[in-house]
Structure formats: C-alpha cells, structure tokens
Amino acid sequence: MEETPIDERTFTDEEVREILKEAVNKAPSRALSKREGLSLAELKSIGEEVGIDPSRLEDAARTVSLRNKNRPNKLLGGPTVLSFERRVQGEFDPDDTPEILSVIRRTMEEQGKIEEIRGSLEWSAKGEASARYVTLSSRDGTTTIQGSSNLSGVAVLTYLIPGFMGLLPSIIGLIKFAKDGSLPGLIVCLTVLPILYPILRAFFKKISGNESAKLEQVVDELARLTEGAGS
C-alpha cells in the first residue's frame, strides 16, 4: 500500500502534540532567538494557529507562572511567598459575602477582617510573623480569585532562635576542643548544626506545605461558589 505524502496527511491530536513538542525542542522560535521568551499575546497567536482556545492558553500561562512563583526555597525547604489565582465566568454577589467569608474563615482557620471596595472583596489576616490575603475582584462578567501568604517572618522564627540555640553549644564545643583537646567538645561542635538543620528544614517545609494546601483549597472553593453567578 502506497504511503500518503506528508503534505497530504491529516495528523491526530496526539501527533500534533508530538510534532509541536519536537519542533520547539529542536528549533526555538525566532522570537526566542531575539530575546528571552514570548509574551502572552504571542503565545495566544501561536495557539490560535494550532486551534488552542486563547482563554485556555491564558489560564495555562497563569497556572505555570504561579507554579514557578511557589517553588520552594532550596535552603529553607519551602517557599516564603505563596500565591494562587483562579479566574471564572460570573460575578460574585455582595449578598453572598457572609457565605464567602464563612468559606475563607473555615478553610484558613482564622477570623481575619474583610473589606469591600468597588466590586472587590478582600479578606486579610496579619500577624507578627505572617500576612495572608484572599481577594475576589469582578469585572466584565468574570471574577478573579487570589489567595496569597507571606511566610518570611515564619521562616526567620523557624531558623533564627533554634539555629542560635544550636550554634551556641557548637561554639562552646569548639572552644573546649581548642583549649584542651576535648574530643566530646569536638563531637558536639561537628554534630549539633548538621543534625539541627534538616530538622528545621523539614519543619518549615511542613508549615509552607500546609499553608499552600489551605490557599489552594480556599481559591478552588470560592471559584466553585462564584462560577456562573450573575449570568
């Protein structure tokens, strides 16, 4: 059986994905050769040429951008700044504020305070070591829901105090060894910090992981609550 010429073939969806992946890997676009990366408008233009809905492409771009932003700090074990975002069709009704507030407080496990400004709703909870925000902003029939948290203060508290407490015996052990050659002093010096650091790193990783799960959950729940409203 004679094979159909490639310029007359119709490719399946799976083949299209493979072809695009192969082309990008082997021959970056001219835009990429001129500068770093592509704009969202350029991505949408490319997507339209291969039949990808521009709105889906924009949602994917948001997802990838936020995923990169939430990447863990390799030294600390977790990200110090977390951010999640969803955009849905429909505008939230101010009459639903009590239900929205209930979802946020139940999920975030904190009372916080709420403020309404020109079609947007913001919940915030600020402590000595962290700041958390959940916002809903409606415009032109769509609602953007964002959840963010700054854990920089938590990271400082996690590492600073225990780290100092671990550093102190290490210094004492080093002085003891230098002064009279005490082997126990050397052992203390060499083992305290290497043991303490992975413990603190795992602890902060758990804190940031729990916070990330809460933010993602509250954004998803509010998206389900808001989607289709007012339409």
C-alpha atoms as a PDB file:
ATOM      1  CA  MET A   1       0.000   0.000   0.000  1.00  0.00           C
ATOM      2  CA  GLU A   2       1.402   3.373  -1.027  1.00  0.00           C
ATOM      3  CA  GLU A   3       2.042   5.793   1.826  1.00  0.00           C
ATOM      4  CA  THR A   4       0.210   9.146   1.765  1.00  0.00           C
ATOM      5  CA  PRO A   5       2.615  12.070   1.146  1.00  0.00           C
ATOM      6  CA  ILE A   6       3.254  14.015   4.339  1.00  0.00           C
ATOM      7  CA  ASP A   7       1.880  17.251   2.894  1.00  0.00           C
ATOM      8  CA  GLU A   8      -1.445  15.491   2.254  1.00  0.00           C
ATOM      9  CA  ARG A   9      -1.711  13.749   5.617  1.00  0.00           C
ATOM     10  CA  THR A  10      -4.110  14.608   8.452  1.00  0.00           C
ATOM     11  CA  PHE A  11      -2.472  14.322  11.859  1.00  0.00           C
ATOM     12  CA  THR A  12      -4.185  13.095  15.006  1.00  0.00           C
ATOM     13  CA  ASP A  13      -4.320  15.213  18.188  1.00  0.00           C
ATOM     14  CA  GLU A  14      -1.582  13.088  19.744  1.00  0.00           C
ATOM     15  CA  GLU A  15       0.628  13.511  16.675  1.00  0.00           C
ATOM     16  CA  VAL A  16       0.042  17.288  16.713  1.00  0.00           C
ATOM     17  CA  ARG A  17       1.262  17.460  20.328  1.00  0.00           C
ATOM     18  CA  GLU A  18       4.325  15.365  19.479  1.00  0.00           C
ATOM     19  CA  ILE A  19       5.116  17.479  16.404  1.00  0.00           C
ATOM     20  CA  LEU A  20       4.844  20.768  18.326  1.00  0.00           C
ATOM     21  CA  LYS A  21       6.996  19.418  21.156  1.00  0.00           C
ATOM     22  CA  GLU A  22       9.620  18.175  18.695  1.00  0.00           C
ATOM     23  CA  ALA A  23       9.639  21.484  16.809  1.00  0.00           C
ATOM     24  CA  VAL A  24      10.035  23.578  19.958  1.00  0.00           C
ATOM     25  CA  ASN A  25      12.818  21.367  21.298  1.00  0.00           C
ATOM     26  CA  LYS A  26      14.809  21.343  18.062  1.00  0.00           C
ATOM     27  CA  ALA A  27      14.166  24.806  16.657  1.00  0.00           C
ATOM     28  CA  PRO A  28      13.217  27.615  19.072  1.00  0.00           C
ATOM     29  CA  SER A  29      11.086  30.342  17.513  1.00  0.00           C
ATOM     30  CA  ARG A  30      12.578  33.488  16.022  1.00  0.00           C
ATOM     31  CA  ALA A  31      11.116  35.440  18.947  1.00  0.00           C
ATOM     32  CA  LEU A  32      13.115  33.298  21.339  1.00  0.00           C
ATOM     33  CA  SER A  33      16.305  33.818  19.341  1.00  0.00           C
ATOM     34  CA  LYS A  34      15.900  37.605  19.565  1.00  0.00           C
ATOM     35  CA  ARG A  35      15.102  37.827  23.245  1.00  0.00           C
ATOM     36  CA  GLU A  36      14.180  35.774  26.276  1.00  0.00           C
ATOM     37  CA  GLY A  37      10.726  34.227  25.975  1.00  0.00           C
ATOM     38  CA  LEU A  38       7.392  35.107  24.403  1.00  0.00           C
ATOM     39  CA  SER A  39       4.631  37.462  25.535  1.00  0.00           C
ATOM     40  CA  LEU A  40       1.149  36.180  26.348  1.00  0.00           C
ATOM     41  CA  ALA A  41      -0.164  37.830  23.178  1.00  0.00           C
ATOM     42  CA  GLU A  42       2.443  35.940  21.124  1.00  0.00           C
ATOM     43  CA  LEU A  43       1.552  32.683  22.866  1.00  0.00           C
ATOM     44  CA  LYS A  44      -2.136  33.259  22.082  1.00  0.00           C
ATOM     45  CA  SER A  45      -1.289  33.979  18.448  1.00  0.00           C
ATOM     46  CA  ILE A  46       0.650  30.731  18.166  1.00  0.00           C
ATOM     47  CA  GLY A  47      -2.156  28.891  19.951  1.00  0.00           C
ATOM     48  CA  GLU A  48      -4.790  30.194  17.553  1.00  0.00           C
ATOM     49  CA  GLU A  49      -2.783  28.874  14.623  1.00  0.00           C
ATOM     50  CA  VAL A  50      -2.973  25.340  16.044  1.00  0.00           C
ATOM     51  CA  GLY A  51      -6.560  25.604  17.306  1.00  0.00           C
ATOM     52  CA  ILE A  52      -5.973  26.279  21.022  1.00  0.00           C
ATOM     53  CA  ASP A  53      -8.597  28.448  22.740  1.00  0.00           C
ATOM     54  CA  PRO A  54      -6.834  31.699  23.801  1.00  0.00           C
ATOM     55  CA  SER A  55      -8.654  31.730  27.169  1.00  0.00           C
ATOM     56  CA  ARG A  56      -7.440  28.204  27.944  1.00  0.00           C
ATOM     57  CA  LEU A  57      -3.928  29.203  26.967  1.00  0.00           C
ATOM     58  CA  GLU A  58      -4.100  32.225  29.276  1.00  0.00           C
ATOM     59  CA  ASP A  59      -5.324  30.025  32.156  1.00  0.00           C
ATOM     60  CA  ALA A  60      -2.434  27.637  31.491  1.00  0.00           C
ATOM     61  CA  ALA A  61       0.010  30.563  31.492  1.00  0.00           C
ATOM     62  CA  ARG A  62      -1.345  31.715  34.867  1.00  0.00           C
ATOM     63  CA  THR A  63      -1.000  28.197  36.277  1.00  0.00           C
ATOM     64  CA  VAL A  64       2.604  27.829  35.118  1.00  0.00           C
ATOM     65  CA  SER A  65       3.521  31.320  36.325  1.00  0.00           C
ATOM     66  CA  LEU A  66       2.101  30.709  39.798  1.00  0.00           C
ATOM     67  CA  ARG A  67       3.662  27.256  39.977  1.00  0.00           C
ATOM     68  CA  ASN A  68       7.088  28.771  39.315  1.00  0.00           C
ATOM     69  CA  LYS A  69       6.439  31.541  41.821  1.00  0.00           C
ATOM     70  CA  ASN A  70       5.571  28.992  44.505  1.00  0.00           C
ATOM     71  CA  ARG A  71       8.719  26.951  44.020  1.00  0.00           C
ATOM     72  CA  PRO A  72      10.404  26.069  47.329  1.00  0.00           C
ATOM     73  CA  ASN A  73      13.463  27.925  48.550  1.00  0.00           C
ATOM     74  CA  LYS A  74      16.142  25.215  48.374  1.00  0.00           C
ATOM     75  CA  LEU A  75      17.889  26.453  51.508  1.00  0.00           C
ATOM     76  CA  LEU A  76      14.761  26.891  53.648  1.00  0.00           C
ATOM     77  CA  GLY A  77      12.860  23.864  52.376  1.00  0.00           C
ATOM     78  CA  GLY A  78       9.726  25.756  51.298  1.00  0.00           C
ATOM     79  CA  PRO A  79       8.580  28.990  49.628  1.00  0.00           C
ATOM     80  CA  THR A  80       8.355  32.136  51.761  1.00  0.00           C
ATOM     81  CA  VAL A  81       5.737  33.699  49.457  1.00  0.00           C
ATOM     82  CA  LEU A  82       2.723  31.721  48.226  1.00  0.00           C
ATOM     83  CA  SER A  83       0.202  32.794  45.603  1.00  0.00           C
ATOM     84  CA  PHE A  84      -2.756  31.090  43.913  1.00  0.00           C
ATOM     85  CA  GLU A  85      -5.198  32.504  41.393  1.00  0.00           C
ATOM     86  CA  ARG A  86      -8.316  31.410  39.505  1.00  0.00           C
ATOM     87  CA  ARG A  87     -10.463  33.313  37.022  1.00  0.00           C
ATOM     88  CA  VAL A  88     -14.034  32.174  36.449  1.00  0.00           C
ATOM     89  CA  GLN A  89     -17.087  33.287  34.494  1.00  0.00           C
ATOM     90  CA  GLY A  90     -19.611  35.097  36.670  1.00  0.00           C
ATOM     91  CA  GLU A  91     -19.520  37.949  39.178  1.00  0.00           C
ATOM     92  CA  PHE A  92     -19.835  37.461  42.899  1.00  0.00           C
ATOM     93  CA  ASP A  93     -22.961  38.860  44.519  1.00  0.00           C
ATOM     94  CA  PRO A  94     -22.348  41.152  47.535  1.00  0.00           C
ATOM     95  CA  ASP A  95     -25.298  39.364  49.171  1.00  0.00           C
ATOM     96  CA  ASP A  96     -23.130  36.229  49.205  1.00  0.00           C
ATOM     97  CA  THR A  97     -20.474  37.920  51.357  1.00  0.00           C
ATOM     98  CA  PRO A  98     -21.447  36.015  54.557  1.00  0.00           C
ATOM     99  CA  GLU A  99     -21.104  32.668  52.724  1.00  0.00           C
ATOM    100  CA  ILE A 100     -17.821  33.723  51.114  1.00  0.00           C
ATOM    101  CA  LEU A 101     -16.487  34.850  54.472  1.00  0.00           C
ATOM    102  CA  SER A 102     -17.564  31.558  56.044  1.00  0.00           C
ATOM    103  CA  VAL A 103     -15.635  29.566  53.412  1.00  0.00           C
ATOM    104  CA  ILE A 104     -12.493  31.658  53.917  1.00  0.00           C
ATOM    105  CA  ARG A 105     -12.547  31.542  57.727  1.00  0.00           C
ATOM    106  CA  ARG A 106     -13.327  27.843  57.849  1.00  0.00           C
ATOM    107  CA  THR A 107     -10.540  26.948  55.428  1.00  0.00           C
ATOM    108  CA  MET A 108      -7.892  29.387  56.667  1.00  0.00           C
ATOM    109  CA  GLU A 109      -8.822  28.703  60.316  1.00  0.00           C
ATOM    110  CA  GLU A 110      -8.592  32.381  61.205  1.00  0.00           C
ATOM    111  CA  GLN A 111     -11.127  35.181  61.683  1.00  0.00           C
ATOM    112  CA  GLY A 112      -9.264  37.935  59.839  1.00  0.00           C
ATOM    113  CA  LYS A 113     -11.061  41.043  58.630  1.00  0.00           C
ATOM    114  CA  ILE A 114     -12.953  41.821  55.451  1.00  0.00           C
ATOM    115  CA  GLU A 115     -13.136  44.924  53.287  1.00  0.00           C
ATOM    116  CA  GLU A 116     -15.268  45.715  50.232  1.00  0.00           C
ATOM    117  CA  ILE A 117     -14.003  48.228  47.663  1.00  0.00           C
ATOM    118  CA  ARG A 118     -15.564  48.914  44.232  1.00  0.00           C
ATOM    119  CA  GLY A 119     -16.641  45.449  43.209  1.00  0.00           C
ATOM    120  CA  SER A 120     -13.856  43.669  45.052  1.00  0.00           C
ATOM    121  CA  LEU A 121     -13.793  41.827  48.334  1.00  0.00           C
ATOM    122  CA  GLU A 122     -10.639  41.367  50.408  1.00  0.00           C
ATOM    123  CA  TRP A 123     -10.073  39.190  53.477  1.00  0.00           C
ATOM    124  CA  SER A 124      -6.823  39.706  55.351  1.00  0.00           C
ATOM    125  CA  ALA A 125      -5.167  38.312  58.440  1.00  0.00           C
ATOM    126  CA  LYS A 126      -1.898  39.850  59.569  1.00  0.00           C
ATOM    127  CA  GLY A 127       0.190  38.512  62.410  1.00  0.00           C
ATOM    128  CA  GLU A 128       3.654  39.232  63.756  1.00  0.00           C
ATOM    129  CA  ALA A 129       5.215  36.580  61.530  1.00  0.00           C
ATOM    130  CA  SER A 130       2.867  36.254  58.540  1.00  0.00           C
ATOM    131  CA  ALA A 131       0.348  38.048  56.333  1.00  0.00           C
ATOM    132  CA  ARG A 132      -2.490  36.286  54.474  1.00  0.00           C
ATOM    133  CA  TYR A 133      -4.872  37.642  51.862  1.00  0.00           C
ATOM    134  CA  VAL A 134      -7.835  36.333  49.886  1.00  0.00           C
ATOM    135  CA  THR A 135      -9.430  38.628  47.302  1.00  0.00           C
ATOM    136  CA  LEU A 136     -12.306  38.408  44.839  1.00  0.00           C
ATOM    137  CA  SER A 137     -12.481  41.004  42.092  1.00  0.00           C
ATOM    138  CA  SER A 138     -15.269  41.061  39.490  1.00  0.00           C
ATOM    139  CA  ARG A 139     -15.173  42.812  36.140  1.00  0.00           C
ATOM    140  CA  ASP A 140     -16.858  42.387  32.752  1.00  0.00           C
ATOM    141  CA  GLY A 141     -18.659  39.192  33.755  1.00  0.00           C
ATOM    142  CA  THR A 142     -15.626  37.417  35.218  1.00  0.00           C
ATOM    143  CA  THR A 143     -14.223  37.092  38.731  1.00  0.00           C
ATOM    144  CA  THR A 144     -10.553  36.751  39.636  1.00  0.00           C
ATOM    145  CA  ILE A 145      -9.900  34.975  42.926  1.00  0.00           C
ATOM    146  CA  GLN A 146      -6.492  35.265  44.550  1.00  0.00           C
ATOM    147  CA  GLY A 147      -5.022  33.799  47.692  1.00  0.00           C
ATOM    148  CA  SER A 148      -1.572  34.750  48.963  1.00  0.00           C
ATOM    149  CA  SER A 149       0.578  34.398  52.036  1.00  0.00           C
ATOM    150  CA  ASN A 150       3.932  35.807  53.136  1.00  0.00           C
ATOM    151  CA  LEU A 151       5.841  33.416  55.396  1.00  0.00           C
ATOM    152  CA  SER A 152       9.124  35.344  55.590  1.00  0.00           C
ATOM    153  CA  GLY A 153       8.622  36.064  59.289  1.00  0.00           C
ATOM    154  CA  VAL A 154       7.761  32.436  59.960  1.00  0.00           C
ATOM    155  CA  ALA A 155      10.972  31.356  58.238  1.00  0.00           C
ATOM    156  CA  VAL A 156      13.018  33.748  60.378  1.00  0.00           C
ATOM    157  CA  LEU A 157      11.447  32.479  63.592  1.00  0.00           C
ATOM    158  CA  THR A 158      11.823  28.862  62.492  1.00  0.00           C
ATOM    159  CA  TYR A 159      15.551  29.158  61.842  1.00  0.00           C
ATOM    160  CA  LEU A 160      16.814  32.066  63.934  1.00  0.00           C
ATOM    161  CA  ILE A 161      16.015  31.038  67.515  1.00  0.00           C
ATOM    162  CA  PRO A 162      16.628  27.263  67.212  1.00  0.00           C
ATOM    163  CA  GLY A 163      19.641  27.990  64.991  1.00  0.00           C
ATOM    164  CA  PHE A 164      21.167  30.269  67.614  1.00  0.00           C
ATOM    165  CA  MET A 165      20.477  27.684  70.318  1.00  0.00           C
ATOM    166  CA  GLY A 166      22.246  25.087  68.187  1.00  0.00           C
ATOM    167  CA  LEU A 167      25.125  27.411  67.291  1.00  0.00           C
ATOM    168  CA  LEU A 168      25.878  28.247  70.913  1.00  0.00           C
ATOM    169  CA  PRO A 169      26.822  24.695  72.032  1.00  0.00           C
ATOM    170  CA  SER A 170      28.798  24.296  68.796  1.00  0.00           C
ATOM    171  CA  ILE A 171      30.896  27.350  69.625  1.00  0.00           C
ATOM    172  CA  ILE A 172      31.349  26.168  73.209  1.00  0.00           C
ATOM    173  CA  GLY A 173      32.400  22.746  71.933  1.00  0.00           C
ATOM    174  CA  LEU A 174      34.888  24.301  69.520  1.00  0.00           C
ATOM    175  CA  ILE A 175      36.401  26.477  72.276  1.00  0.00           C
ATOM    176  CA  LYS A 176      36.590  23.456  74.575  1.00  0.00           C
ATOM    177  CA  PHE A 177      38.379  21.411  71.935  1.00  0.00           C
ATOM    178  CA  ALA A 178      40.772  24.231  71.054  1.00  0.00           C
ATOM    179  CA  LYS A 179      41.602  24.800  74.708  1.00  0.00           C
ATOM    180  CA  ASP A 180      42.298  21.309  75.986  1.00  0.00           C
ATOM    181  CA  GLY A 181      41.750  18.969  73.026  1.00  0.00           C
ATOM    182  CA  SER A 182      38.456  17.643  74.379  1.00  0.00           C
ATOM    183  CA  LEU A 183      37.086  15.007  72.000  1.00  0.00           C
ATOM    184  CA  PRO A 184      33.496  15.392  73.301  1.00  0.00           C
ATOM    185  CA  GLY A 185      33.792  19.105  72.602  1.00  0.00           C
ATOM    186  CA  LEU A 186      34.781  18.393  69.005  1.00  0.00           C
ATOM    187  CA  ILE A 187      31.908  15.904  68.601  1.00  0.00           C
ATOM    188  CA  VAL A 188      29.392  18.473  69.858  1.00  0.00           C
ATOM    189  CA  CYS A 189      30.842  21.091  67.531  1.00  0.00           C
ATOM    190  CA  LEU A 190      30.635  18.873  64.464  1.00  0.00           C
ATOM    191  CA  THR A 191      27.237  17.253  65.048  1.00  0.00           C
ATOM    192  CA  VAL A 192      24.783  19.786  66.512  1.00  0.00           C
ATOM    193  CA  LEU A 193      24.222  22.016  63.466  1.00  0.00           C
ATOM    194  CA  PRO A 194      24.291  19.218  60.830  1.00  0.00           C
ATOM    195  CA  ILE A 195      21.592  17.423  62.836  1.00  0.00           C
ATOM    196  CA  LEU A 196      19.541  20.526  63.633  1.00  0.00           C
ATOM    197  CA  TYR A 197      19.390  21.979  60.099  1.00  0.00           C
ATOM    198  CA  PRO A 198      17.477  19.134  58.370  1.00  0.00           C
ATOM    199  CA  ILE A 199      15.011  19.078  61.287  1.00  0.00           C
ATOM    200  CA  LEU A 200      14.300  22.815  60.924  1.00  0.00           C
ATOM    201  CA  ARG A 201      14.122  22.478  57.142  1.00  0.00           C
ATOM    202  CA  ALA A 202      11.553  19.680  57.393  1.00  0.00           C
ATOM    203  CA  PHE A 203       9.572  21.719  59.925  1.00  0.00           C
ATOM    204  CA  PHE A 204       9.375  24.794  57.671  1.00  0.00           C
ATOM    205  CA  LYS A 205       8.585  22.622  54.662  1.00  0.00           C
ATOM    206  CA  LYS A 206       5.596  21.230  56.557  1.00  0.00           C
ATOM    207  CA  ILE A 207       4.426  24.733  57.557  1.00  0.00           C
ATOM    208  CA  SER A 208       4.617  26.088  53.999  1.00  0.00           C
ATOM    209  CA  GLY A 209       3.037  22.918  52.620  1.00  0.00           C
ATOM    210  CA  ASN A 210       0.046  23.231  54.967  1.00  0.00           C
ATOM    211  CA  GLU A 211      -0.347  26.922  54.102  1.00  0.00           C
ATOM    212  CA  SER A 212      -0.158  26.157  50.391  1.00  0.00           C
ATOM    213  CA  ALA A 213      -2.866  23.500  50.699  1.00  0.00           C
ATOM    214  CA  LYS A 214      -5.172  25.918  52.543  1.00  0.00           C
ATOM    215  CA  LEU A 215      -4.728  28.697  49.977  1.00  0.00           C
ATOM    216  CA  GLU A 216      -5.292  26.381  47.046  1.00  0.00           C
ATOM    217  CA  GLN A 217      -8.386  24.913  48.706  1.00  0.00           C
ATOM    218  CA  VAL A 218      -9.951  28.284  49.514  1.00  0.00           C
ATOM    219  CA  VAL A 219      -9.339  29.597  45.981  1.00  0.00           C
ATOM    220  CA  ASP A 220     -10.878  26.464  44.457  1.00  0.00           C
ATOM    221  CA  GLU A 221     -13.914  26.558  46.781  1.00  0.00           C
ATOM    222  CA  LEU A 222     -14.565  30.235  46.077  1.00  0.00           C
ATOM    223  CA  ALA A 223     -14.190  29.591  42.349  1.00  0.00           C
ATOM    224  CA  ARG A 224     -16.889  26.901  42.516  1.00  0.00           C
ATOM    225  CA  LEU A 225     -19.103  29.202  44.587  1.00  0.00           C
ATOM    226  CA  THR A 226     -18.712  32.137  42.191  1.00  0.00           C
ATOM    227  CA  GLU A 227     -18.657  30.425  38.791  1.00  0.00           C
ATOM    228  CA  GLY A 228     -21.806  31.128  36.812  1.00  0.00           C
ATOM    229  CA  ALA A 229     -23.133  33.618  39.350  1.00  0.00           C
ATOM    230  CA  GLY A 230     -24.825  36.679  37.963  1.00  0.00           C
ATOM    231  CA  SER A 231     -25.056  35.194  34.473  1.00  0.00           C
END
